[in-house]
Amino acid sequence: MTPLTITSSAVTATYDGGAYSGSLNSASYAYGGTTASTAPADVYGTAAPYGSNAVNAGTYSPVGLWSDQQGYIIDQSGMGNLTIQPKHLSAAITGNPTKTYDGTTNAILNSGDYTLSGFVSGQGATVTQTAGTYASTNAGAQTVSAILGSGEITAGSGTTLSNYTLPTTATGSGTIDKAPTPSPTPSPTPSPTLAQSGVSNVPVDAAERTVLYGYIAPSLNDTALLNPIKWQQLTDPLKSMQTSVSWAVLRHGQGCTSDSHIFRHPSASNLLEVIPRHHGCT
């Protein structure tokens, strides 16, 4: 049998779901002092030199060449390997994920919001990433993006994900709806003013301080002052008038027969005329 040395360059292909069916790349056949670019008679398998198992992404050595007993002793050591590269996939957000305005860019996604493209016919996968980001917090049409990890893409039946270059991001269109208009807050009932009470601005002098007989804690607002009042007697009226934590009560007019009183805060503002149920005069 005649020695036959075959040399060839490396071959690169992209995964397509089937066995590689190409021939050797730039092959050279040297035998009996002759070098040819085509295989001599009695050499077989040149149509599928990497065998039927060269399907998935990876690297394969030539295995499919042989000769009959009247042919050649084949040296395949100079033949280049076959590399099948993963097929590229792309991802897009196509489900128009929508939320109501909440002041954040957070988007909640589901598998139906994604489309994966580039699979061999009959193969597929599902994206499980649920967190995305709107480009803005504002209401309206927004671009939505998501970061995809390898653990967030699940292979479908008959699919091997290592045969694909997986996408790491997905983008698409989404919507932020306007938040409902809140019901208007009722305006508080305005506090009575000096003009409403009809009381003239009564100066606070030493004489009036001497008739101070009670106070109301500042936790009671103006509205509460018009409701039934719980009085507290003071043992030191003048001192209580000077403190900043109570409302001062001054009698308007002379003598205990008067039924009109003025409430005056120690800041000397917000005069208000009220008629208490009982002023405690004797």
Protein backbone atom coordinates (compact mmCIF):
# COMPACT_ATOMS: atom_id res chain seq x y z
CA MET A 1 0.00 0.00 0.00
CA THR A 2 1.19 3.48 -0.82
CA PRO A 3 1.70 6.07 1.94
CA LEU A 4 -0.64 9.05 1.58
CA THR A 5 -0.21 12.28 3.54
CA ILE A 6 -3.18 14.59 3.72
CA THR A 7 -2.90 18.17 4.92
CA SER A 8 -5.64 20.81 5.20
CA SER A 9 -6.44 24.08 6.92
CA ALA A 10 -8.74 24.46 9.91
CA VAL A 11 -12.44 24.76 9.20
CA THR A 12 -14.92 27.03 10.96
CA ALA A 13 -18.69 26.69 10.82
CA THR A 14 -21.71 27.97 12.74
CA TYR A 15 -24.10 25.66 14.56
CA ASP A 16 -27.11 24.83 12.40
CA GLY A 17 -28.54 21.80 14.19
CA GLY A 18 -27.12 19.24 11.74
CA ALA A 19 -23.82 17.37 11.25
CA TYR A 20 -21.14 19.32 9.40
CA SER A 21 -21.29 18.27 5.77
CA GLY A 22 -18.50 20.35 4.26
CA SER A 23 -15.27 19.04 2.79
CA LEU A 24 -11.68 19.64 3.88
CA ASN A 25 -10.39 23.18 3.60
CA SER A 26 -7.48 23.71 1.14
CA ALA A 27 -6.63 20.00 1.18
CA SER A 28 -3.40 18.61 -0.27
CA TYR A 29 -2.73 14.91 -1.02
CA ALA A 30 0.88 13.75 -1.29
CA TYR A 31 1.59 10.17 -2.45
CA GLY A 32 4.15 8.40 -4.63
CA GLY A 33 6.05 11.63 -5.28
CA THR A 34 2.90 13.36 -6.46
CA THR A 35 0.95 16.18 -4.74
CA ALA A 36 -2.64 16.80 -5.76
CA SER A 37 -5.54 18.96 -4.59
CA THR A 38 -8.01 16.14 -4.94
CA ALA A 39 -8.08 12.75 -3.30
CA PRO A 40 -6.78 9.80 -5.37
CA ALA A 41 -8.90 6.78 -6.15
CA ASP A 42 -9.45 4.28 -3.37
CA VAL A 43 -9.67 7.08 -0.72
CA TYR A 44 -13.10 7.48 0.81
CA GLY A 45 -14.91 9.80 3.22
CA THR A 46 -13.68 13.11 1.88
CA ALA A 47 -17.27 14.32 1.61
CA ALA A 48 -17.71 14.12 5.41
CA PRO A 49 -14.19 14.09 6.85
CA TYR A 50 -15.27 15.02 10.42
CA GLY A 51 -17.88 12.29 10.83
CA SER A 52 -21.57 12.32 11.69
CA ASN A 53 -21.06 13.42 15.27
CA ALA A 54 -19.84 16.92 14.42
CA VAL A 55 -23.17 18.52 15.30
CA ASN A 56 -22.97 20.63 18.46
CA ALA A 57 -20.76 23.65 19.05
CA GLY A 58 -17.18 22.54 19.75
CA THR A 59 -13.95 21.34 18.09
CA TYR A 60 -13.64 18.13 16.04
CA SER A 61 -10.69 16.28 14.47
CA PRO A 62 -10.93 14.51 11.05
CA VAL A 63 -12.08 10.93 11.51
CA GLY A 64 -13.88 9.90 8.34
CA LEU A 65 -11.15 9.06 5.74
CA TRP A 66 -10.11 5.52 4.81
CA SER A 67 -8.76 3.41 1.93
CA ASP A 68 -9.31 -0.14 0.68
CA GLN A 69 -6.62 -2.82 0.88
CA GLN A 70 -5.24 -1.95 -2.56
CA GLY A 71 -5.09 1.76 -1.69
CA TYR A 72 -3.12 3.86 0.75
CA ILE A 73 -1.79 4.10 4.27
CA ILE A 74 -3.26 7.48 5.25
CA ASP A 75 -1.49 10.00 7.52
CA GLN A 76 -4.09 12.49 8.75
CA SER A 77 -1.93 14.29 11.31
CA GLY A 78 -1.60 17.38 9.14
CA MET A 79 -5.32 17.88 8.71
CA GLY A 80 -6.92 20.91 10.37
CA ASN A 81 -9.68 20.62 12.94
CA LEU A 82 -13.27 21.67 12.55
CA THR A 83 -14.65 24.30 14.95
CA ILE A 84 -18.43 24.71 15.15
CA GLN A 85 -19.21 28.07 16.73
CA PRO A 86 -22.36 28.83 18.74
CA LYS A 87 -25.16 30.54 16.86
CA HIS A 88 -25.92 34.12 17.96
CA LEU A 89 -29.23 34.91 19.64
CA SER A 90 -30.83 38.30 20.21
CA ALA A 91 -33.50 39.36 22.70
CA ALA A 92 -36.08 42.14 22.59
CA ILE A 93 -38.83 43.36 24.89
CA THR A 94 -41.96 43.25 22.75
CA GLY A 95 -44.86 42.96 25.19
CA ASN A 96 -45.18 46.72 25.92
CA PRO A 97 -44.90 46.28 29.71
CA THR A 98 -47.14 48.86 31.36
CA LYS A 99 -47.52 50.22 34.88
CA THR A 100 -49.16 53.16 36.64
CA TYR A 101 -46.90 56.06 37.55
CA ASP A 102 -45.25 55.49 40.95
CA GLY A 103 -42.25 57.79 40.79
CA THR A 104 -39.73 54.99 40.07
CA THR A 105 -38.15 53.45 36.97
CA ASN A 106 -38.83 49.90 38.14
CA ALA A 107 -40.45 47.63 35.55
CA ILE A 108 -42.02 44.25 36.30
CA LEU A 109 -41.68 41.86 33.37
CA ASN A 110 -42.80 38.34 32.53
CA SER A 111 -41.75 35.78 29.93
CA GLY A 112 -44.43 37.00 27.53
CA ASP A 113 -42.73 40.40 27.36
CA TYR A 114 -39.65 38.92 25.61
CA THR A 115 -38.90 37.66 22.11
CA LEU A 116 -35.75 35.58 21.44
CA SER A 117 -34.55 35.43 17.83
CA GLY A 118 -31.94 33.27 16.06
CA PHE A 119 -32.87 29.72 17.02
CA VAL A 120 -32.57 26.77 14.68
CA SER A 121 -36.02 25.68 13.53
CA GLY A 122 -37.82 23.68 16.22
CA GLN A 123 -35.71 25.02 19.09
CA GLY A 124 -36.34 27.80 21.57
CA ALA A 125 -36.07 29.11 25.13
CA THR A 126 -37.88 31.24 27.69
CA VAL A 127 -36.62 34.35 29.47
CA THR A 128 -37.39 34.35 33.20
CA GLN A 129 -35.95 37.75 34.17
CA THR A 130 -38.73 39.73 35.87
CA ALA A 131 -36.87 42.95 36.71
CA GLY A 132 -36.50 45.72 34.18
CA THR A 133 -35.93 49.47 34.06
CA TYR A 134 -37.83 52.27 32.37
CA ALA A 135 -35.68 55.02 30.86
CA SER A 136 -37.56 57.65 32.90
CA THR A 137 -39.92 57.90 35.84
CA ASN A 138 -42.33 60.06 33.86
CA ALA A 139 -45.68 58.94 32.47
CA GLY A 140 -45.83 58.17 28.75
CA ALA A 141 -44.08 55.91 26.25
CA GLN A 142 -40.72 54.76 27.59
CA THR A 143 -37.86 52.50 26.54
CA VAL A 144 -37.60 49.48 28.82
CA SER A 145 -34.40 47.48 29.32
CA ALA A 146 -33.47 44.32 31.20
CA ILE A 147 -30.18 42.61 32.03
CA LEU A 148 -30.18 38.89 31.23
CA GLY A 149 -27.99 36.39 33.02
CA SER A 150 -27.41 32.87 31.73
CA GLY A 151 -29.55 31.56 34.58
CA GLU A 152 -32.48 33.68 33.40
CA ILE A 153 -32.89 31.92 30.06
CA THR A 154 -34.40 28.43 30.18
CA ALA A 155 -33.97 26.02 27.25
CA GLY A 156 -37.01 24.60 25.54
CA SER A 157 -37.47 20.98 24.48
CA GLY A 158 -34.66 19.70 22.22
CA THR A 159 -32.57 22.81 22.76
CA THR A 160 -29.00 22.93 24.10
CA LEU A 161 -28.15 26.47 25.10
CA SER A 162 -24.39 25.92 24.77
CA ASN A 163 -24.99 25.83 20.99
CA TYR A 164 -25.95 29.52 21.20
CA THR A 165 -24.39 32.80 22.21
CA LEU A 166 -26.95 34.09 24.68
CA PRO A 167 -28.01 37.74 24.80
CA THR A 168 -27.08 39.71 27.92
CA THR A 169 -29.59 42.54 27.50
CA ALA A 170 -33.03 43.15 26.06
CA THR A 171 -34.70 46.44 25.19
CA GLY A 172 -38.04 47.52 23.82
CA SER A 173 -41.00 49.82 24.27
CA GLY A 174 -43.12 50.15 27.40
CA THR A 175 -45.63 52.54 28.91
CA ILE A 176 -46.10 54.35 32.21
CA ASP A 177 -49.73 55.37 32.68
CA LYS A 178 -50.61 58.54 34.54
CA ALA A 179 -51.53 58.10 38.18
CA PRO A 180 -55.20 58.76 39.02
CA THR A 181 -55.95 62.32 40.09
CA PRO A 182 -56.41 62.26 43.87
CA SER A 183 -59.65 63.54 45.35
CA PRO A 184 -59.24 67.11 46.57
CA THR A 185 -58.63 67.45 50.29
CA PRO A 186 -61.46 69.42 51.90
CA SER A 187 -60.32 72.84 53.05
CA PRO A 188 -60.23 73.13 56.84
CA THR A 189 -62.79 75.34 58.48
CA PRO A 190 -61.06 78.69 58.91
CA SER A 191 -60.50 79.89 62.45
CA PRO A 192 -62.55 82.90 63.55
CA THR A 193 -60.64 86.12 63.14
CA LEU A 194 -60.71 89.36 65.05
CA ALA A 195 -62.88 90.91 62.36
CA GLN A 196 -65.36 88.04 62.54
CA SER A 197 -65.61 88.22 66.32
CA GLY A 198 -66.36 91.93 66.31
CA VAL A 199 -63.92 92.53 69.14
CA SER A 200 -61.70 95.55 68.96
CA ASN A 201 -58.00 95.17 69.63
CA VAL A 202 -57.90 95.28 73.41
CA PRO A 203 -54.43 96.16 74.73
CA VAL A 204 -53.01 93.77 77.27
CA ASP A 205 -51.89 95.83 80.24
CA ALA A 206 -51.08 95.13 83.83
CA ALA A 207 -54.63 95.77 84.91
CA GLU A 208 -56.02 93.19 82.55
CA ARG A 209 -53.41 90.64 83.57
CA THR A 210 -54.73 90.82 87.11
CA VAL A 211 -58.08 89.41 86.00
CA LEU A 212 -56.56 86.39 84.21
CA TYR A 213 -58.22 83.35 85.74
CA GLY A 214 -57.66 80.30 83.49
CA TYR A 215 -55.87 78.82 80.45
CA ILE A 216 -56.34 76.26 77.73
CA ALA A 217 -53.45 73.94 76.67
CA PRO A 218 -52.04 74.75 73.21
CA SER A 219 -53.09 71.32 71.90
CA LEU A 220 -56.60 72.77 71.62
CA ASN A 221 -56.99 74.50 68.26
CA ASP A 222 -59.22 77.44 67.41
CA THR A 223 -62.11 75.15 66.50
CA ALA A 224 -61.92 73.47 69.89
CA LEU A 225 -62.10 76.83 71.61
CA LEU A 226 -65.63 77.26 70.28
CA ASN A 227 -66.73 73.93 71.73
CA PRO A 228 -67.43 73.20 75.43
CA ILE A 229 -64.29 74.17 77.35
CA LYS A 230 -62.64 72.39 80.27
CA TRP A 231 -61.16 75.14 82.46
CA GLN A 232 -58.08 74.91 84.61
CA GLN A 233 -57.72 77.35 87.51
CA LEU A 234 -54.44 79.21 87.87
CA THR A 235 -52.77 80.12 91.14
CA ASP A 236 -50.38 82.57 89.53
CA PRO A 237 -52.19 84.35 86.67
CA LEU A 238 -49.44 86.81 85.85
CA LYS A 239 -46.78 84.13 85.56
CA SER A 240 -49.05 81.96 83.37
CA MET A 241 -49.69 84.90 81.11
CA GLN A 242 -45.98 85.16 80.46
CA THR A 243 -45.38 81.49 79.63
CA SER A 244 -45.23 80.41 75.99
CA VAL A 245 -47.02 77.08 76.41
CA SER A 246 -50.58 78.19 77.17
CA TRP A 247 -53.39 80.38 75.95
CA ALA A 248 -54.13 83.32 78.18
CA VAL A 249 -57.74 84.11 79.05
CA LEU A 250 -58.56 87.76 79.75
CA ARG A 251 -61.89 89.07 80.86
CA HIS A 252 -63.33 91.71 78.57
CA GLY A 253 -64.98 94.39 80.61
CA GLN A 254 -65.16 95.01 84.33
CA GLY A 255 -66.58 92.77 87.00
CA CYS A 256 -67.74 89.18 86.96
CA THR A 257 -71.07 90.03 85.38
CA SER A 258 -69.50 90.23 81.92
CA ASP A 259 -70.16 87.20 79.70
CA SER A 260 -67.64 88.09 77.00
CA HIS A 261 -64.00 87.07 77.24
CA ILE A 262 -60.97 87.38 75.05
CA PHE A 263 -58.53 84.56 74.43
CA ARG A 264 -55.09 85.91 73.76
CA HIS A 265 -51.99 83.83 73.01
CA PRO A 266 -48.83 85.02 74.86
CA SER A 267 -47.42 86.06 71.48
CA ALA A 268 -49.98 88.90 71.63
CA SER A 269 -51.71 87.80 68.41
CA ASN A 270 -54.87 86.03 67.26
CA LEU A 271 -57.42 87.77 69.48
CA LEU A 272 -60.71 85.87 69.55
CA GLU A 273 -64.00 86.57 71.33
CA VAL A 274 -65.82 83.55 72.78
CA ILE A 275 -68.59 83.02 75.35
CA PRO A 276 -67.54 80.23 77.73
CA ARG A 277 -70.13 78.10 79.48
CA HIS A 278 -68.79 79.05 82.86
CA HIS A 279 -65.98 81.43 83.69
CA GLY A 280 -65.73 80.64 87.36
CA CYS A 281 -66.08 84.19 88.69
CA THR A 282 -67.34 84.67 92.19
